C-alpha cells in the first residue's frame, strides 16, 4: 500500500475532494484525522472509513481559528504520535466581479482559503520536523493560474496566494525534508460547484471551456493528492499539479 503506516491530517474532509481523498488514503493504508466545520457529515465519513477497516478520527475544525488547528494537531499527536501528511483542502468559492465584491466577502474568502492554509502548515511543520519530514499538499485551483472572465477576483487571488505560499514553504523547509506542493483542480462535480452555480446554462458554459468536455470527479483529484503524499513523489517539492481537463492549457 502506498501510504502504509503514514499519518495524515485532512482539512475540509467532510465532503467533496476532502472526503474522496480521505477514503483513498485509508485504502492505501494511512491513519487519518479529518477536520471540518460540518460535524455530522465529517463523523459520517470517519465512520464509513472505520467500517471499511480503516482508522480515522474526526475533529471539529474551523481553519480560520489557530486554537482549532492547535487542538487538531494535538489530537493527531495524542492518537498517532506523528504526522506525515497534511492536506490543506478546506476552502470556499466566491462569485462576482471586483465591484460586486464586498469587503466582508473578500475577507472571508482570504481567511478561509489563505489564512487556513497558513495556520495548518504552521502547525504541521513543527510535528513533521520531529518525525524527520513530511508532505504538505495545498489545494489551490486552476483559477490560481489562469482565471476565466467570470472568475471572482477574490477567489482567484486567494488561490493564487496558495500557489505562491506553497512554493515559499517548499523552499524554506526543503532542508528538513518537508515537501510542499499545490494541486490545481479544474471544475469538479461536487456539492460546492452546484451550490455556487445553480444556473444550468452557467454550468454548461463552464463545461464548454474544458477541452475534455466534462467536469472532473473528486476521485480524479484525490489520485493526484495521493501521488504527492506518497514516497513516489519524494523528489517533488515547490511544484504545482494541474488536474483540469486541459482548461488552463488554452
Protein backbone atom coordinates (compact mmCIF):
# COMPACT_ATOMS: atom_id res chain seq x y z
CA UNK A 1 0.00 0.00 0.00
CA UNK A 2 1.27 3.43 -0.95
CA UNK A 3 0.66 5.15 2.42
CA UNK A 4 1.13 2.23 4.80
CA UNK A 5 1.79 3.42 8.39
CA UNK A 6 1.66 7.09 7.39
CA UNK A 7 -0.46 9.56 9.36
CA UNK A 8 -2.46 12.20 7.51
CA UNK A 9 -4.49 15.24 8.55
CA UNK A 10 -7.04 16.50 6.02
CA UNK A 11 -8.98 19.73 6.42
CA UNK A 12 -12.38 20.00 4.78
CA UNK A 13 -12.65 16.23 4.92
CA UNK A 14 -16.42 16.01 5.27
CA UNK A 15 -17.33 16.09 1.59
CA UNK A 16 -16.12 16.61 -1.96
CA UNK A 17 -12.41 16.36 -2.69
CA UNK A 18 -11.55 16.10 1.02
CA UNK A 19 -13.81 13.11 1.61
CA UNK A 20 -12.65 11.37 -1.58
CA UNK A 21 -9.04 11.90 -0.54
CA UNK A 22 -9.65 10.57 2.97
CA UNK A 23 -11.26 7.40 1.64
CA UNK A 24 -8.47 6.85 -0.87
CA UNK A 25 -5.78 7.43 1.76
CA UNK A 26 -7.45 4.90 4.05
CA UNK A 27 -7.50 2.32 1.25
CA UNK A 28 -3.77 2.90 0.82
CA UNK A 29 -3.02 2.26 4.49
CA UNK A 30 -2.93 5.75 6.02
CA UNK A 31 -4.16 6.55 9.51
CA UNK A 32 -6.35 9.62 9.35
CA UNK A 33 -7.59 12.66 11.17
CA UNK A 34 -10.16 14.66 9.20
CA UNK A 35 -11.36 18.09 10.26
CA UNK A 36 -14.31 20.18 9.17
CA UNK A 37 -16.98 22.59 10.42
CA UNK A 38 -19.56 20.14 9.06
CA UNK A 39 -19.64 17.85 12.07
CA UNK A 40 -22.42 15.45 11.09
CA UNK A 41 -21.02 14.87 7.61
CA UNK A 42 -17.46 14.59 8.92
CA UNK A 43 -18.35 12.00 11.53
CA UNK A 44 -20.17 10.01 8.86
CA UNK A 45 -17.08 9.91 6.64
CA UNK A 46 -14.96 8.82 9.60
CA UNK A 47 -17.48 6.08 10.36
CA UNK A 48 -17.50 4.87 6.76
CA UNK A 49 -13.72 4.63 6.80
CA UNK A 50 -13.72 2.79 10.13
CA UNK A 51 -16.45 0.43 8.94
CA UNK A 52 -14.26 -0.38 5.96
CA UNK A 53 -11.38 -1.38 8.21
CA UNK A 54 -9.54 1.94 8.25
CA UNK A 55 -8.52 4.13 11.15
CA UNK A 56 -9.99 7.63 11.13
CA UNK A 57 -10.71 10.28 13.74
CA UNK A 58 -12.94 13.31 13.13
CA UNK A 59 -12.24 16.67 14.78
CA UNK A 60 -14.24 19.88 14.53
CA UNK A 61 -12.00 22.32 12.69
CA UNK A 62 -12.61 25.91 11.70
CA UNK A 63 -9.49 26.55 9.61
CA UNK A 64 -9.54 30.27 10.39
CA UNK A 65 -9.01 29.51 14.10
CA UNK A 66 -5.47 28.96 15.34
CA UNK A 67 -6.89 27.40 18.50
CA UNK A 68 -8.81 24.84 16.43
CA UNK A 69 -5.67 23.97 14.48
CA UNK A 70 -3.71 23.57 17.71
CA UNK A 71 -6.39 21.23 19.04
CA UNK A 72 -6.45 19.22 15.80
CA UNK A 73 -2.67 18.90 15.80
CA UNK A 74 -2.79 17.83 19.44
CA UNK A 75 -5.30 15.11 18.58
CA UNK A 76 -3.02 13.83 15.81
CA UNK A 77 -0.02 13.60 18.15
CA UNK A 78 -2.07 12.14 21.01
CA UNK A 79 -3.65 9.47 18.83
CA UNK A 80 -0.83 8.59 16.45
CA UNK A 81 2.36 10.22 17.75
CA UNK A 82 3.39 11.69 14.41
CA UNK A 83 2.22 13.49 11.27
CA UNK A 84 3.49 12.61 7.80
CA UNK A 85 0.94 14.29 5.54
CA UNK A 86 -1.14 17.46 5.70
CA UNK A 87 -3.77 18.16 3.06
CA UNK A 88 -4.98 21.74 3.28
CA UNK A 89 -8.20 21.15 1.39
CA UNK A 90 -10.81 23.31 3.16
CA UNK A 91 -11.94 26.23 1.07
CA UNK A 92 -14.86 28.21 -0.26
CA UNK A 93 -15.83 29.51 -3.67
CA UNK A 94 -16.89 33.07 -4.42
CA UNK A 95 -18.87 34.85 -7.10
CA UNK A 96 -18.99 38.35 -8.52
CA UNK A 97 -16.61 40.79 -10.17
CA UNK A 98 -14.45 43.26 -8.26
CA UNK A 99 -17.12 45.95 -7.94
CA UNK A 100 -19.69 43.44 -6.72
CA UNK A 101 -17.42 42.02 -4.01
CA UNK A 102 -17.93 43.41 -0.53
CA UNK A 103 -15.11 43.89 1.92
CA UNK A 104 -16.66 41.20 4.12
CA UNK A 105 -16.76 38.70 1.23
CA UNK A 106 -13.14 39.45 0.34
CA UNK A 107 -12.02 38.98 3.94
CA UNK A 108 -13.95 35.74 4.42
CA UNK A 109 -12.54 34.26 1.21
CA UNK A 110 -8.98 35.18 2.19
CA UNK A 111 -9.42 33.96 5.75
CA UNK A 112 -10.65 30.51 4.78
CA UNK A 113 -8.67 29.91 1.60
CA UNK A 114 -5.34 31.51 2.56
CA UNK A 115 -5.14 32.01 6.30
CA UNK A 116 -6.42 28.45 6.80
CA UNK A 117 -3.55 27.06 4.70
CA UNK A 118 -1.02 29.16 6.62
CA UNK A 119 -2.30 28.10 10.04
CA UNK A 120 -2.47 24.44 9.09
CA UNK A 121 1.04 24.45 7.65
CA UNK A 122 2.39 26.25 10.71
CA UNK A 123 1.06 23.52 12.99
CA UNK A 124 2.14 20.65 10.75
CA UNK A 125 5.72 21.76 10.19
CA UNK A 126 6.79 21.51 13.82
CA UNK A 127 5.33 18.00 14.13
CA UNK A 128 6.81 16.84 10.82
CA UNK A 129 10.21 18.13 11.86
CA UNK A 130 10.33 15.79 14.84
CA UNK A 131 9.43 12.87 12.57
CA UNK A 132 12.13 13.61 10.03
CA UNK A 133 10.00 15.20 7.33
CA UNK A 134 6.63 15.10 5.65
CA UNK A 135 4.47 16.23 2.77
CA UNK A 136 2.14 19.23 2.72
CA UNK A 137 -0.37 19.35 -0.13
CA UNK A 138 -2.33 22.56 -0.60
CA UNK A 139 -5.46 22.50 -2.74
CA UNK A 140 -5.41 25.60 -4.91
CA UNK A 141 -7.34 25.92 -8.20
CA UNK A 142 -6.88 26.36 -11.91
CA UNK A 143 -8.14 29.88 -11.20
CA UNK A 144 -4.95 30.47 -9.22
CA UNK A 145 -3.04 30.15 -12.51
CA UNK A 146 -5.45 31.30 -15.23
CA UNK A 147 -8.79 32.78 -14.10
CA UNK A 148 -11.69 32.99 -16.54
CA UNK A 149 -13.55 36.29 -17.25
CA UNK A 150 -16.31 35.30 -14.82
CA UNK A 151 -13.99 34.14 -12.05
CA UNK A 152 -14.27 36.04 -8.78
CA UNK A 153 -11.23 38.23 -8.20
CA UNK A 154 -11.30 37.33 -4.51
CA UNK A 155 -11.32 33.60 -5.29
CA UNK A 156 -8.59 33.83 -7.93
CA UNK A 157 -6.42 35.96 -5.65
CA UNK A 158 -6.85 33.56 -2.75
CA UNK A 159 -5.93 30.52 -4.83
CA UNK A 160 -3.00 32.36 -6.42
CA UNK A 161 -1.79 33.12 -2.90
CA UNK A 162 -2.00 29.41 -2.02
CA UNK A 163 0.12 28.60 -5.08
CA UNK A 164 2.92 31.00 -4.12
CA UNK A 165 2.71 30.23 -0.41
CA UNK A 166 3.25 26.56 -1.29
CA UNK A 167 6.43 27.38 -3.20
CA UNK A 168 7.72 29.59 -0.38
CA UNK A 169 7.05 26.84 2.18
CA UNK A 170 8.80 24.30 -0.04
CA UNK A 171 11.95 26.40 -0.31
CA UNK A 172 12.06 27.26 3.39
CA UNK A 173 11.71 23.69 4.65
CA UNK A 174 13.33 21.52 1.96
CA UNK A 175 16.44 21.20 4.12
CA UNK A 176 14.28 19.48 6.76
CA UNK A 177 12.78 17.04 4.24
CA UNK A 178 9.39 18.73 4.46
CA UNK A 179 7.92 18.93 0.98
CA UNK A 180 5.11 21.25 -0.09
CA UNK A 181 3.19 21.25 -3.36
CA UNK A 182 -0.07 22.67 -4.67
CA UNK A 183 -2.84 20.94 -6.59
CA UNK A 184 -4.91 22.93 -9.09
CA UNK A 185 -8.27 21.32 -9.91
CA UNK A 186 -10.46 22.47 -12.74
CA UNK A 187 -14.25 22.41 -12.31
CA UNK A 188 -15.11 19.30 -10.30
CA UNK A 189 -18.53 17.73 -9.88
CA UNK A 190 -19.11 18.49 -6.19
CA UNK A 191 -21.83 19.95 -3.98
CA UNK A 192 -19.89 23.24 -3.85
CA UNK A 193 -19.87 23.57 -7.63
CA UNK A 194 -23.63 23.09 -7.82
CA UNK A 195 -24.33 25.36 -4.84
CA UNK A 196 -22.37 28.31 -6.25
CA UNK A 197 -23.64 27.88 -9.81
CA UNK A 198 -27.28 26.76 -9.71
CA UNK A 199 -27.96 28.04 -13.22
CA UNK A 200 -27.67 25.16 -15.70
CA UNK A 201 -26.66 27.45 -18.56
CA UNK A 202 -23.78 28.75 -16.48
CA UNK A 203 -22.65 25.19 -15.80
CA UNK A 204 -22.81 24.28 -19.46
CA UNK A 205 -20.75 27.34 -20.37
CA UNK A 206 -18.16 26.34 -17.78
CA UNK A 207 -18.07 22.79 -19.09
CA UNK A 208 -17.63 24.11 -22.61
CA UNK A 209 -14.31 25.66 -21.58
CA UNK A 210 -12.92 22.24 -20.61
CA UNK A 211 -11.22 20.57 -23.61
CA UNK A 212 -12.07 17.08 -22.32
CA UNK A 213 -15.72 18.14 -22.43
CA UNK A 214 -16.78 17.25 -18.89
CA UNK A 215 -16.37 18.14 -15.24
CA UNK A 216 -13.83 16.23 -13.22
CA UNK A 217 -14.60 13.80 -10.41
CA UNK A 218 -13.38 14.26 -6.84
CA UNK A 219 -11.55 10.93 -7.06
CA UNK A 220 -9.51 12.22 -10.01
CA UNK A 221 -8.13 14.97 -7.79
CA UNK A 222 -7.59 12.52 -4.93
CA UNK A 223 -5.33 10.39 -7.13
CA UNK A 224 -3.07 13.42 -7.66
CA UNK A 225 -3.04 14.21 -3.95
CA UNK A 226 -2.18 10.57 -3.23
CA UNK A 227 0.86 10.79 -5.50
CA UNK A 228 2.14 13.91 -3.73
CA UNK A 229 1.52 12.32 -0.33
CA UNK A 230 3.37 9.13 -1.20
CA UNK A 231 7.09 8.43 -1.36
CA UNK A 232 6.72 8.18 -5.14
CA UNK A 233 6.96 11.99 -5.20
CA UNK A 234 9.98 12.17 -2.86
CA UNK A 235 11.86 14.46 -5.29
CA UNK A 236 8.86 16.74 -5.90
CA UNK A 237 8.55 19.97 -3.95
CA UNK A 238 7.55 23.53 -4.81
CA UNK A 239 5.57 22.21 -7.78
CA UNK A 240 2.00 22.60 -8.96
CA UNK A 241 -0.07 19.69 -10.20
CA UNK A 242 -2.81 20.82 -12.59
CA UNK A 243 -5.77 18.43 -12.93
CA UNK A 244 -8.28 20.33 -15.01
CA UNK A 245 -9.15 18.51 -18.23
CA UNK A 246 -6.92 20.90 -20.16
CA UNK A 247 -8.67 24.14 -19.16
CA UNK A 248 -5.56 26.14 -18.25
CA UNK A 249 -3.66 24.89 -21.34
CA UNK A 250 -5.72 27.10 -23.64
